[in-house]
Amino acid sequence: MDDNELEIKIEQMRLTMYQLYLKDPHNPQVLEVSQSLDELLNELTRRSITHKKK
């Protein structure tokens, strides 16, 4: 997955999390999606750090 695809996936995950939260803030899926989103954001950060070092 390239950086652009990763950014799109991050935005999709963010929208999913927001929609779940609006339906029920206590839904355990909100936490699961949030954690997945965190992983994607961490990957994007790692990539940006790696690109800056080059």
N, C-alpha and C. Protein backbone atom coordinates (compact mmCIF):
# COMPACT_ATOMS: atom_id res chain seq x y z
N MET A 1 0.85 -1.17 0.00
CA MET A 1 0.00 0.00 0.00
C MET A 1 0.90 1.24 0.00
N ASP A 2 0.65 2.14 -0.92
CA ASP A 2 1.45 3.36 -0.95
C ASP A 2 0.88 4.41 0.02
N ASP A 3 1.58 5.52 0.15
CA ASP A 3 1.18 6.53 1.13
C ASP A 3 -0.22 7.08 0.86
N ASN A 4 -0.54 7.27 -0.39
CA ASN A 4 -1.87 7.80 -0.73
C ASN A 4 -2.97 6.81 -0.32
N GLU A 5 -2.76 5.54 -0.61
CA GLU A 5 -3.74 4.52 -0.22
C GLU A 5 -3.87 4.46 1.30
N LEU A 6 -2.75 4.60 1.98
CA LEU A 6 -2.76 4.59 3.44
C LEU A 6 -3.57 5.77 3.99
N GLU A 7 -3.38 6.93 3.41
CA GLU A 7 -4.14 8.11 3.85
C GLU A 7 -5.63 7.94 3.60
N ILE A 8 -5.98 7.33 2.49
CA ILE A 8 -7.40 7.07 2.20
C ILE A 8 -7.98 6.08 3.22
N LYS A 9 -7.22 5.04 3.51
CA LYS A 9 -7.68 4.06 4.49
C LYS A 9 -7.83 4.69 5.87
N ILE A 10 -6.92 5.58 6.23
CA ILE A 10 -7.01 6.29 7.51
C ILE A 10 -8.29 7.10 7.57
N GLU A 11 -8.58 7.82 6.51
CA GLU A 11 -9.80 8.64 6.50
C GLU A 11 -11.05 7.78 6.57
N GLN A 12 -11.06 6.66 5.87
CA GLN A 12 -12.21 5.75 5.93
C GLN A 12 -12.39 5.20 7.34
N MET A 13 -11.29 4.84 7.97
CA MET A 13 -11.34 4.30 9.33
C MET A 13 -11.83 5.36 10.32
N ARG A 14 -11.38 6.58 10.10
CA ARG A 14 -11.81 7.68 10.97
C ARG A 14 -13.32 7.90 10.86
N LEU A 15 -13.84 7.87 9.65
CA LEU A 15 -15.28 8.03 9.45
C LEU A 15 -16.06 6.88 10.07
N THR A 16 -15.55 5.68 9.92
CA THR A 16 -16.20 4.52 10.52
C THR A 16 -16.27 4.66 12.03
N MET A 17 -15.15 5.05 12.63
CA MET A 17 -15.11 5.23 14.08
C MET A 17 -16.12 6.29 14.52
N TYR A 18 -16.16 7.39 13.80
CA TYR A 18 -17.06 8.49 14.14
C TYR A 18 -18.52 8.04 14.04
N GLN A 19 -18.85 7.30 13.00
CA GLN A 19 -20.22 6.82 12.83
C GLN A 19 -20.62 5.86 13.94
N LEU A 20 -19.70 4.97 14.29
CA LEU A 20 -19.97 4.04 15.39
C LEU A 20 -20.19 4.80 16.69
N TYR A 21 -19.35 5.79 16.91
CA TYR A 21 -19.45 6.58 18.14
C TYR A 21 -20.79 7.32 18.21
N LEU A 22 -21.22 7.87 17.10
CA LEU A 22 -22.50 8.60 17.09
C LEU A 22 -23.67 7.68 17.40
N LYS A 23 -23.60 6.44 16.94
CA LYS A 23 -24.68 5.48 17.20
C LYS A 23 -24.69 5.05 18.66
N ASP A 24 -23.49 4.77 19.18
CA ASP A 24 -23.39 4.31 20.57
C ASP A 24 -21.95 4.50 21.05
N PRO A 25 -21.69 5.53 21.83
CA PRO A 25 -20.33 5.81 22.30
C PRO A 25 -19.73 4.68 23.14
N HIS A 26 -20.57 3.81 23.66
CA HIS A 26 -20.09 2.73 24.52
C HIS A 26 -19.92 1.41 23.78
N ASN A 27 -20.14 1.44 22.50
CA ASN A 27 -19.97 0.25 21.68
C ASN A 27 -18.49 -0.17 21.69
N PRO A 28 -18.20 -1.43 22.02
CA PRO A 28 -16.80 -1.89 22.07
C PRO A 28 -16.09 -1.77 20.71
N GLN A 29 -16.86 -1.75 19.65
CA GLN A 29 -16.25 -1.61 18.32
C GLN A 29 -15.56 -0.25 18.16
N VAL A 30 -16.03 0.75 18.87
CA VAL A 30 -15.41 2.08 18.79
C VAL A 30 -13.95 1.97 19.21
N LEU A 31 -13.69 1.26 20.28
CA LEU A 31 -12.32 1.07 20.76
C LEU A 31 -11.50 0.26 19.76
N GLU A 32 -12.08 -0.79 19.22
CA GLU A 32 -11.37 -1.63 18.25
C GLU A 32 -10.97 -0.83 17.02
N VAL A 33 -11.91 -0.06 16.50
CA VAL A 33 -11.63 0.75 15.31
C VAL A 33 -10.61 1.83 15.64
N SER A 34 -10.72 2.40 16.82
CA SER A 34 -9.77 3.42 17.25
C SER A 34 -8.36 2.85 17.31
N GLN A 35 -8.21 1.66 17.81
CA GLN A 35 -6.90 1.02 17.89
C GLN A 35 -6.35 0.72 16.50
N SER A 36 -7.21 0.28 15.61
CA SER A 36 -6.78 0.04 14.23
C SER A 36 -6.36 1.34 13.56
N LEU A 37 -7.11 2.38 13.82
CA LEU A 37 -6.78 3.70 13.29
C LEU A 37 -5.42 4.15 13.82
N ASP A 38 -5.18 3.94 15.10
CA ASP A 38 -3.88 4.29 15.70
C ASP A 38 -2.74 3.58 14.99
N GLU A 39 -2.93 2.30 14.68
CA GLU A 39 -1.89 1.54 13.99
C GLU A 39 -1.60 2.14 12.61
N LEU A 40 -2.65 2.51 11.91
CA LEU A 40 -2.47 3.11 10.59
C LEU A 40 -1.76 4.46 10.69
N LEU A 41 -2.16 5.25 11.67
CA LEU A 41 -1.51 6.55 11.86
C LEU A 41 -0.04 6.38 12.24
N ASN A 42 0.25 5.38 13.06
CA ASN A 42 1.64 5.10 13.42
C ASN A 42 2.45 4.69 12.19
N GLU A 43 1.84 3.92 11.33
CA GLU A 43 2.53 3.52 10.10
C GLU A 43 2.82 4.73 9.23
N LEU A 44 1.87 5.61 9.10
CA LEU A 44 2.07 6.83 8.31
C LEU A 44 3.19 7.67 8.91
N THR A 45 3.22 7.77 10.21
CA THR A 45 4.28 8.52 10.89
C THR A 45 5.64 7.87 10.65
N ARG A 46 5.71 6.55 10.77
CA ARG A 46 6.98 5.85 10.51
C ARG A 46 7.46 6.11 9.09
N ARG A 47 6.53 6.07 8.15
CA ARG A 47 6.91 6.31 6.77
C ARG A 47 7.44 7.73 6.56
N SER A 48 6.79 8.69 7.19
CA SER A 48 7.24 10.07 7.02
C SER A 48 8.62 10.27 7.64
N ILE A 49 8.89 9.63 8.75
CA ILE A 49 10.21 9.72 9.38
C ILE A 49 11.25 9.06 8.49
N THR A 50 10.93 7.92 7.94
CA THR A 50 11.84 7.19 7.06
C THR A 50 12.15 8.02 5.81
N HIS A 51 11.13 8.65 5.24
CA HIS A 51 11.33 9.46 4.03
C HIS A 51 12.20 10.68 4.31
N LYS A 52 12.07 11.25 5.49
CA LYS A 52 12.86 12.43 5.85
C LYS A 52 14.33 12.09 6.03
N LYS A 53 14.60 10.84 6.49
CA LYS A 53 15.98 10.43 6.71
C LYS A 53 16.73 10.22 5.40
N LYS A 54 16.01 9.95 4.33
CA LYS A 54 16.66 9.65 3.05
C LYS A 54 17.21 10.87 2.40
